[in-house]
Amino acid sequence: MAFGFVPRYSRKETIENSPSEILLFAVESAKKLNWNIGHVSKNRIVAYTSFSMGSWSEQINISIADHELTIKSECSGNQIFDWGKNKKNVEEFFAGFYEFRASLSPEELDIRQRALEVTEESGTSVHQFETSQGKITSFFSIFIPTEGYLVTPIIVNLNILMFVL
């Protein structure tokens, strides 16, 4: 959380499940947390938290390598401090991950794995995930009103207009 650096938090854990099972648990945990899933492949998930008063949305990167699960939450946009939001995202993810893993029977696990088939050639999920990233990606995007971020750009634009006039 130092000045000039993007606030982020990451955690790595060894999981004794197969990579495809880890992928399933991770996708379901992200859905349970109401994260917008932007990308899913055999070994990576990219998701975004919702835009709120306390956050401009965090980008969540989940990587799966053999039996190792790494999750990194980092602020999007111009946030200088995250006030513990990134650490909270990671902890909530792992809590949901282990809860979901414990709740599935072997039969239900098999059914859900077939539903989340990942093609070998492209490495992308058969399912298409829609995302509204809610993420401020460049300096000029603060001037464009979007859903959940409507009033501030209008006020900024009016102030600039008044200054120019």
Protein backbone atom coordinates (compact mmCIF):
# COMPACT_ATOMS: atom_id res chain seq x y z
CA MET A 1 0.00 0.00 0.00
CA ALA A 2 2.89 2.35 -0.61
CA PHE A 3 2.44 5.61 -2.48
CA GLY A 4 3.08 5.26 -6.21
CA PHE A 5 2.47 1.51 -6.32
CA VAL A 6 -0.71 -0.31 -7.23
CA PRO A 7 -2.16 -1.88 -4.07
CA ARG A 8 -2.20 -5.68 -4.34
CA TYR A 9 -2.23 -8.81 -2.26
CA SER A 10 -1.48 -12.39 -3.28
CA ARG A 11 -1.47 -15.81 -1.68
CA LYS A 12 -0.31 -19.23 -2.87
CA GLU A 13 -1.52 -22.58 -1.54
CA THR A 14 -0.97 -26.21 -2.40
CA ILE A 15 -4.25 -28.04 -3.06
CA GLU A 16 -4.43 -31.84 -3.21
CA ASN A 17 -7.04 -31.93 -5.99
CA SER A 18 -6.53 -32.27 -9.73
CA PRO A 19 -6.09 -29.04 -11.72
CA SER A 20 -9.52 -29.49 -13.36
CA GLU A 21 -11.15 -29.83 -9.94
CA ILE A 22 -9.27 -26.77 -8.67
CA LEU A 23 -10.52 -24.85 -11.72
CA LEU A 24 -14.11 -25.88 -10.98
CA PHE A 25 -13.86 -24.88 -7.30
CA ALA A 26 -12.26 -21.54 -8.24
CA VAL A 27 -14.94 -20.67 -10.83
CA GLU A 28 -17.75 -21.57 -8.46
CA SER A 29 -16.13 -19.58 -5.61
CA ALA A 30 -15.81 -16.52 -7.86
CA LYS A 31 -19.48 -16.85 -8.88
CA LYS A 32 -20.53 -17.16 -5.24
CA LEU A 33 -18.66 -13.91 -4.46
CA ASN A 34 -20.53 -12.19 -7.35
CA TRP A 35 -17.31 -11.42 -9.20
CA ASN A 36 -17.56 -10.70 -12.91
CA ILE A 37 -15.65 -13.47 -14.66
CA GLY A 38 -13.79 -12.09 -17.65
CA HIS A 39 -11.64 -15.02 -18.77
CA VAL A 40 -11.40 -18.72 -18.00
CA SER A 41 -8.79 -21.12 -19.37
CA LYS A 42 -7.37 -24.43 -18.14
CA ASN A 43 -4.90 -22.75 -15.81
CA ARG A 44 -6.09 -19.18 -15.35
CA ILE A 45 -9.14 -17.17 -14.34
CA VAL A 46 -9.46 -13.42 -14.48
CA ALA A 47 -12.34 -11.87 -12.56
CA TYR A 48 -13.34 -8.40 -11.38
CA THR A 49 -15.05 -7.32 -8.19
CA SER A 50 -18.02 -5.02 -8.44
CA PHE A 51 -17.68 -1.25 -8.52
CA SER A 52 -18.68 0.26 -5.16
CA MET A 53 -18.29 3.36 -2.99
CA GLY A 54 -15.19 1.89 -1.36
CA SER A 55 -13.61 0.43 -4.48
CA TRP A 56 -13.11 1.10 -8.18
CA SER A 57 -13.11 -2.65 -8.76
CA GLU A 58 -10.23 -5.00 -8.15
CA GLN A 59 -8.83 -7.37 -10.74
CA ILE A 60 -8.50 -10.93 -9.46
CA ASN A 61 -5.99 -13.24 -11.18
CA ILE A 62 -6.23 -16.92 -10.29
CA SER A 63 -3.49 -19.22 -11.58
CA ILE A 64 -3.40 -23.00 -11.38
CA ALA A 65 -0.13 -24.89 -11.81
CA ASP A 66 -0.09 -28.61 -10.96
CA HIS A 67 -1.44 -28.65 -7.41
CA GLU A 68 -0.68 -25.02 -6.66
CA LEU A 69 -3.32 -22.29 -6.59
CA THR A 70 -2.20 -18.65 -6.67
CA ILE A 71 -4.62 -15.77 -6.32
CA LYS A 72 -3.70 -12.12 -6.69
CA SER A 73 -6.06 -9.21 -6.06
CA GLU A 74 -4.97 -5.81 -7.28
CA CYS A 75 -6.65 -2.43 -7.52
CA SER A 76 -7.72 -1.13 -10.89
CA GLY A 77 -7.52 2.53 -11.62
CA ASN A 78 -6.00 5.29 -9.53
CA GLN A 79 -6.40 3.95 -6.01
CA ILE A 80 -3.47 4.69 -3.72
CA PHE A 81 -4.76 2.66 -0.76
CA ASP A 82 -6.98 -0.38 -0.74
CA TRP A 83 -7.83 -0.26 2.99
CA GLY A 84 -7.42 -4.04 3.21
CA LYS A 85 -9.86 -4.77 0.37
CA ASN A 86 -7.38 -6.89 -1.62
CA LYS A 87 -6.52 -9.07 1.37
CA LYS A 88 -10.22 -9.41 2.17
CA ASN A 89 -10.93 -10.52 -1.44
CA VAL A 90 -8.27 -13.24 -1.22
CA GLU A 91 -9.42 -14.47 2.19
CA GLU A 92 -13.09 -14.54 1.12
CA PHE A 93 -12.10 -16.47 -2.01
CA PHE A 94 -10.23 -19.16 -0.07
CA ALA A 95 -13.04 -19.44 2.51
CA GLY A 96 -15.57 -19.97 -0.31
CA PHE A 97 -13.17 -22.30 -2.14
CA TYR A 98 -12.74 -24.67 0.81
CA GLU A 99 -16.44 -24.47 1.72
CA PHE A 100 -17.49 -25.38 -1.82
CA ARG A 101 -14.90 -28.17 -2.04
CA ALA A 102 -16.17 -29.74 1.19
CA SER A 103 -19.83 -29.53 0.13
CA LEU A 104 -19.60 -31.55 -3.12
CA SER A 105 -20.17 -35.27 -3.33
CA PRO A 106 -18.01 -37.21 -5.85
CA GLU A 107 -21.04 -37.66 -8.16
CA GLU A 108 -21.91 -33.97 -8.11
CA LEU A 109 -18.25 -33.08 -8.68
CA ASP A 110 -18.19 -35.27 -11.79
CA ILE A 111 -21.40 -33.68 -13.15
CA ARG A 112 -20.11 -30.14 -12.58
CA GLN A 113 -16.74 -30.93 -14.13
CA ARG A 114 -18.43 -32.11 -17.32
CA ALA A 115 -20.49 -28.90 -17.36
CA LEU A 116 -17.29 -26.83 -17.23
CA GLU A 117 -15.48 -28.57 -20.07
CA VAL A 118 -12.32 -26.90 -21.22
CA THR A 119 -11.21 -27.51 -24.77
CA GLU A 120 -7.65 -28.78 -25.16
CA GLU A 121 -6.89 -26.88 -28.38
CA SER A 122 -7.83 -23.34 -27.44
CA GLY A 123 -7.58 -23.52 -23.68
CA THR A 124 -10.73 -21.45 -23.32
CA SER A 125 -13.92 -22.42 -21.62
CA VAL A 126 -16.81 -23.71 -23.70
CA HIS A 127 -19.00 -21.34 -21.71
CA GLN A 128 -18.85 -17.69 -22.65
CA PHE A 129 -18.62 -15.33 -19.71
CA GLU A 130 -19.97 -11.83 -20.07
CA THR A 131 -18.26 -9.17 -18.00
CA SER A 132 -18.85 -5.58 -17.14
CA GLN A 133 -15.41 -4.95 -15.75
CA GLY A 134 -16.37 -1.78 -13.93
CA LYS A 135 -12.74 -0.95 -14.22
CA ILE A 136 -11.20 2.42 -14.94
CA THR A 137 -8.56 1.56 -17.51
CA SER A 138 -7.23 4.94 -18.53
CA PHE A 139 -7.08 8.50 -17.35
CA PHE A 140 -9.75 9.72 -19.79
CA SER A 141 -12.31 7.11 -18.74
CA ILE A 142 -13.05 9.15 -15.60
CA PHE A 143 -14.86 11.62 -17.85
CA ILE A 144 -17.26 9.00 -19.26
CA PRO A 145 -20.41 8.19 -17.24
CA THR A 146 -21.09 4.46 -16.85
CA GLU A 147 -23.52 2.39 -14.82
CA GLY A 148 -22.62 2.78 -11.15
CA TYR A 149 -20.34 5.72 -11.95
CA LEU A 150 -22.70 8.37 -13.25
CA VAL A 151 -22.69 11.52 -11.11
CA THR A 152 -18.94 12.14 -10.71
CA PRO A 153 -18.11 12.29 -14.45
CA ILE A 154 -21.01 14.69 -15.03
CA ILE A 155 -19.81 17.00 -12.24
CA VAL A 156 -16.21 16.85 -13.49
CA ASN A 157 -17.31 17.60 -17.07
CA LEU A 158 -19.47 20.54 -15.93
CA ASN A 159 -16.57 21.98 -13.92
CA ILE A 160 -14.24 21.72 -16.91
CA LEU A 161 -16.86 23.36 -19.13
CA MET A 162 -17.33 26.22 -16.64
CA PHE A 163 -13.56 26.73 -16.42
CA VAL A 164 -13.21 26.85 -20.20
CA LEU A 165 -16.09 29.31 -20.53
